[in-house]
Amino acid sequence: MSPALKVEQIVQEWGNGLGVRITSPVAKAAHLSQGVPISVEVVKNGVLLRVVGKPKLSLNQKLKAFDPENHSGEVMATTAMGKEII
């Protein structure tokens, strides 16, 4: 089975470690974007990267997604609201 996309890269020094730049075509083909958690496995003859979840949202992304109507209009409710009232 041949890969859907194959490129050659150079391993370079990155801080105290090593790194490889993932180009845009490779990232798109692998469904990678900034913040996507991956696992890195050493396998026979190489290294395997796997997506292991969804990206974690930044604080700005979380605040942008906040909907006051779904949260009783308050970020921090100081009195009992909704199902808390018996």
N, C-alpha and C. Protein backbone atom coordinates (compact mmCIF):
# COMPACT_ATOMS: atom_id res chain seq x y z
N MET A 1 0.85 -1.18 0.00
CA MET A 1 0.00 0.00 0.00
C MET A 1 0.89 1.24 0.00
N SER A 2 0.74 2.10 -0.97
CA SER A 2 1.54 3.31 -1.04
C SER A 2 0.84 4.45 -0.29
N PRO A 3 1.62 5.37 0.29
CA PRO A 3 1.01 6.48 1.03
C PRO A 3 0.27 7.43 0.10
N ALA A 4 -0.75 8.10 0.64
CA ALA A 4 -1.53 9.06 -0.14
C ALA A 4 -0.69 10.28 -0.51
N LEU A 5 0.25 10.63 0.36
CA LEU A 5 1.11 11.78 0.13
C LEU A 5 2.46 11.48 0.77
N LYS A 6 3.52 11.71 0.03
CA LYS A 6 4.85 11.43 0.55
C LYS A 6 5.76 12.61 0.25
N VAL A 7 6.46 13.09 1.28
CA VAL A 7 7.43 14.17 1.11
C VAL A 7 8.68 13.80 1.88
N GLU A 8 9.80 14.37 1.49
CA GLU A 8 11.04 14.17 2.23
C GLU A 8 11.35 15.45 2.99
N GLN A 9 11.73 15.30 4.25
CA GLN A 9 12.03 16.42 5.12
C GLN A 9 13.39 16.20 5.75
N ILE A 10 13.93 17.22 6.38
CA ILE A 10 15.20 17.15 7.09
C ILE A 10 14.91 17.34 8.58
N VAL A 11 15.45 16.46 9.42
CA VAL A 11 15.35 16.62 10.87
C VAL A 11 16.31 17.73 11.26
N GLN A 12 15.80 18.70 12.05
CA GLN A 12 16.61 19.84 12.44
C GLN A 12 16.57 20.04 13.94
N GLU A 13 17.55 20.78 14.44
CA GLU A 13 17.58 21.11 15.87
C GLU A 13 16.42 22.05 16.17
N TRP A 14 15.74 21.78 17.29
CA TRP A 14 14.60 22.59 17.70
C TRP A 14 14.70 22.75 19.21
N GLY A 15 15.23 23.87 19.67
CA GLY A 15 15.47 24.04 21.10
C GLY A 15 16.49 23.02 21.57
N ASN A 16 16.13 22.27 22.62
CA ASN A 16 17.02 21.22 23.13
C ASN A 16 16.74 19.87 22.49
N GLY A 17 15.84 19.83 21.52
CA GLY A 17 15.49 18.57 20.88
C GLY A 17 15.62 18.65 19.38
N LEU A 18 14.87 17.79 18.71
CA LEU A 18 14.86 17.74 17.24
C LEU A 18 13.44 17.95 16.76
N GLY A 19 13.29 18.44 15.55
CA GLY A 19 11.95 18.67 15.01
C GLY A 19 11.92 18.51 13.51
N VAL A 20 10.71 18.27 13.01
CA VAL A 20 10.45 18.20 11.57
C VAL A 20 9.25 19.09 11.30
N ARG A 21 9.37 19.96 10.33
CA ARG A 21 8.25 20.84 9.97
C ARG A 21 7.24 20.04 9.16
N ILE A 22 5.99 20.09 9.55
CA ILE A 22 4.92 19.43 8.81
C ILE A 22 4.33 20.47 7.87
N THR A 23 4.52 20.26 6.58
CA THR A 23 4.07 21.23 5.59
C THR A 23 2.55 21.23 5.49
N SER A 24 2.01 22.29 4.94
CA SER A 24 0.56 22.45 4.83
C SER A 24 -0.12 21.30 4.08
N PRO A 25 0.41 20.86 2.93
CA PRO A 25 -0.24 19.74 2.24
C PRO A 25 -0.29 18.46 3.08
N VAL A 26 0.80 18.20 3.81
CA VAL A 26 0.84 17.01 4.66
C VAL A 26 -0.15 17.17 5.82
N ALA A 27 -0.17 18.34 6.44
CA ALA A 27 -1.09 18.59 7.55
C ALA A 27 -2.54 18.43 7.12
N LYS A 28 -2.88 18.97 5.96
CA LYS A 28 -4.25 18.85 5.45
C LYS A 28 -4.60 17.40 5.16
N ALA A 29 -3.69 16.67 4.53
CA ALA A 29 -3.96 15.27 4.19
C ALA A 29 -4.11 14.41 5.44
N ALA A 30 -3.39 14.77 6.53
CA ALA A 30 -3.43 14.00 7.77
C ALA A 30 -4.47 14.55 8.76
N HIS A 31 -5.20 15.59 8.36
CA HIS A 31 -6.20 16.24 9.23
C HIS A 31 -5.57 16.76 10.52
N LEU A 32 -4.39 17.38 10.39
CA LEU A 32 -3.71 17.98 11.52
C LEU A 32 -3.90 19.48 11.51
N SER A 33 -4.02 20.05 12.69
CA SER A 33 -4.05 21.50 12.84
C SER A 33 -3.47 21.83 14.19
N GLN A 34 -3.22 23.10 14.43
CA GLN A 34 -2.61 23.51 15.69
C GLN A 34 -3.50 23.09 16.86
N GLY A 35 -2.90 22.48 17.86
CA GLY A 35 -3.63 22.08 19.05
C GLY A 35 -4.15 20.66 19.03
N VAL A 36 -4.04 19.95 17.91
CA VAL A 36 -4.53 18.57 17.82
C VAL A 36 -3.58 17.67 18.60
N PRO A 37 -4.10 16.92 19.60
CA PRO A 37 -3.21 16.02 20.33
C PRO A 37 -2.83 14.80 19.49
N ILE A 38 -1.56 14.41 19.58
CA ILE A 38 -1.08 13.25 18.82
C ILE A 38 -0.28 12.35 19.75
N SER A 39 -0.12 11.11 19.32
CA SER A 39 0.82 10.21 20.00
C SER A 39 1.99 10.01 19.04
N VAL A 40 3.17 9.84 19.61
CA VAL A 40 4.38 9.60 18.84
C VAL A 40 4.91 8.23 19.25
N GLU A 41 4.99 7.32 18.28
CA GLU A 41 5.45 5.96 18.55
C GLU A 41 6.69 5.65 17.73
N VAL A 42 7.64 4.99 18.38
CA VAL A 42 8.80 4.49 17.65
C VAL A 42 8.41 3.11 17.14
N VAL A 43 8.48 2.93 15.82
CA VAL A 43 8.14 1.66 15.18
C VAL A 43 9.34 1.19 14.37
N LYS A 44 9.27 -0.03 13.89
CA LYS A 44 10.36 -0.55 13.08
C LYS A 44 10.61 0.39 11.90
N ASN A 45 11.83 0.83 11.74
CA ASN A 45 12.26 1.70 10.65
C ASN A 45 11.69 3.11 10.69
N GLY A 46 11.23 3.60 11.84
CA GLY A 46 10.77 4.97 11.83
C GLY A 46 9.97 5.40 13.05
N VAL A 47 9.22 6.47 12.84
CA VAL A 47 8.39 7.08 13.87
C VAL A 47 6.99 7.24 13.29
N LEU A 48 5.98 6.95 14.10
CA LEU A 48 4.59 7.02 13.66
C LEU A 48 3.85 8.06 14.50
N LEU A 49 3.19 9.00 13.83
CA LEU A 49 2.36 10.01 14.50
C LEU A 49 0.90 9.63 14.30
N ARG A 50 0.11 9.67 15.38
CA ARG A 50 -1.32 9.38 15.28
C ARG A 50 -2.11 10.45 15.99
N VAL A 51 -3.20 10.88 15.39
CA VAL A 51 -4.13 11.80 16.05
C VAL A 51 -4.86 11.01 17.13
N VAL A 52 -4.89 11.55 18.36
CA VAL A 52 -5.52 10.82 19.47
C VAL A 52 -6.69 11.58 20.08
N GLY A 53 -7.12 12.66 19.48
CA GLY A 53 -8.25 13.39 20.03
C GLY A 53 -8.52 14.66 19.25
N LYS A 54 -9.39 15.44 19.81
CA LYS A 54 -9.76 16.72 19.20
C LYS A 54 -8.89 17.83 19.79
N PRO A 55 -8.73 18.93 19.05
CA PRO A 55 -7.92 20.03 19.58
C PRO A 55 -8.52 20.58 20.87
N LYS A 56 -7.65 21.00 21.78
CA LYS A 56 -8.11 21.67 22.99
C LYS A 56 -8.32 23.13 22.65
N LEU A 57 -9.44 23.69 23.10
CA LEU A 57 -9.75 25.07 22.79
C LEU A 57 -8.94 26.02 23.66
N SER A 58 -8.53 27.13 23.06
CA SER A 58 -7.85 28.17 23.82
C SER A 58 -8.91 28.95 24.61
N LEU A 59 -8.48 29.77 25.55
CA LEU A 59 -9.43 30.57 26.32
C LEU A 59 -10.24 31.47 25.41
N ASN A 60 -9.60 32.09 24.42
CA ASN A 60 -10.32 32.95 23.47
C ASN A 60 -11.39 32.16 22.71
N GLN A 61 -11.07 30.93 22.29
CA GLN A 61 -12.04 30.11 21.57
C GLN A 61 -13.20 29.72 22.49
N LYS A 62 -12.91 29.42 23.75
CA LYS A 62 -13.97 29.08 24.71
C LYS A 62 -14.88 30.26 24.96
N LEU A 63 -14.29 31.45 25.14
CA LEU A 63 -15.09 32.64 25.38
C LEU A 63 -15.93 33.00 24.17
N LYS A 64 -15.39 32.79 22.99
CA LYS A 64 -16.13 33.07 21.75
C LYS A 64 -17.34 32.13 21.62
N ALA A 65 -17.19 30.88 22.10
CA ALA A 65 -18.27 29.89 22.01
C ALA A 65 -19.29 30.05 23.12
N PHE A 66 -19.01 30.88 24.15
CA PHE A 66 -19.93 31.05 25.28
C PHE A 66 -21.23 31.66 24.80
N ASP A 67 -22.34 31.03 25.17
CA ASP A 67 -23.68 31.50 24.81
C ASP A 67 -24.44 31.80 26.10
N PRO A 68 -24.67 33.09 26.42
CA PRO A 68 -25.34 33.45 27.67
C PRO A 68 -26.72 32.80 27.82
N GLU A 69 -27.42 32.56 26.74
CA GLU A 69 -28.75 31.94 26.83
C GLU A 69 -28.67 30.50 27.34
N ASN A 70 -27.58 29.81 27.03
CA ASN A 70 -27.40 28.44 27.52
C ASN A 70 -26.87 28.40 28.96
N HIS A 71 -26.43 29.55 29.46
CA HIS A 71 -25.84 29.60 30.79
C HIS A 71 -26.57 30.60 31.68
N SER A 72 -27.87 30.72 31.52
CA SER A 72 -28.73 31.59 32.33
C SER A 72 -28.28 33.04 32.32
N GLY A 73 -27.55 33.45 31.30
CA GLY A 73 -27.17 34.84 31.17
C GLY A 73 -26.01 35.28 32.03
N GLU A 74 -25.48 34.42 32.88
CA GLU A 74 -24.38 34.78 33.77
C GLU A 74 -23.22 33.82 33.59
N VAL A 75 -22.03 34.35 33.67
CA VAL A 75 -20.85 33.50 33.63
C VAL A 75 -20.70 32.80 34.98
N MET A 76 -20.85 33.55 36.05
CA MET A 76 -20.75 32.99 37.40
C MET A 76 -22.06 33.34 38.13
N ALA A 77 -22.97 32.41 38.20
CA ALA A 77 -24.22 32.64 38.91
C ALA A 77 -23.96 32.66 40.41
N THR A 78 -24.53 33.67 41.10
CA THR A 78 -24.33 33.79 42.54
C THR A 78 -25.50 33.23 43.33
N THR A 79 -26.58 32.94 42.65
CA THR A 79 -27.74 32.33 43.31
C THR A 79 -28.11 31.07 42.55
N ALA A 80 -28.91 30.21 43.22
CA ALA A 80 -29.34 28.97 42.59
C ALA A 80 -30.17 29.28 41.34
N MET A 81 -29.90 28.56 40.25
CA MET A 81 -30.62 28.77 38.99
C MET A 81 -30.93 27.41 38.37
N GLY A 82 -31.94 27.39 37.53
CA GLY A 82 -32.25 26.17 36.78
C GLY A 82 -32.58 24.99 37.65
N LYS A 83 -31.93 23.84 37.39
CA LYS A 83 -32.22 22.60 38.11
C LYS A 83 -31.75 22.63 39.55
N GLU A 84 -30.97 23.65 39.93
CA GLU A 84 -30.51 23.75 41.30
C GLU A 84 -31.64 24.14 42.25
N ILE A 85 -32.68 24.78 41.72
CA ILE A 85 -33.82 25.19 42.53
C ILE A 85 -34.76 24.03 42.72
N ILE A 86 -35.07 23.70 43.97
CA ILE A 86 -35.98 22.59 44.24
C ILE A 86 -37.25 23.09 44.84
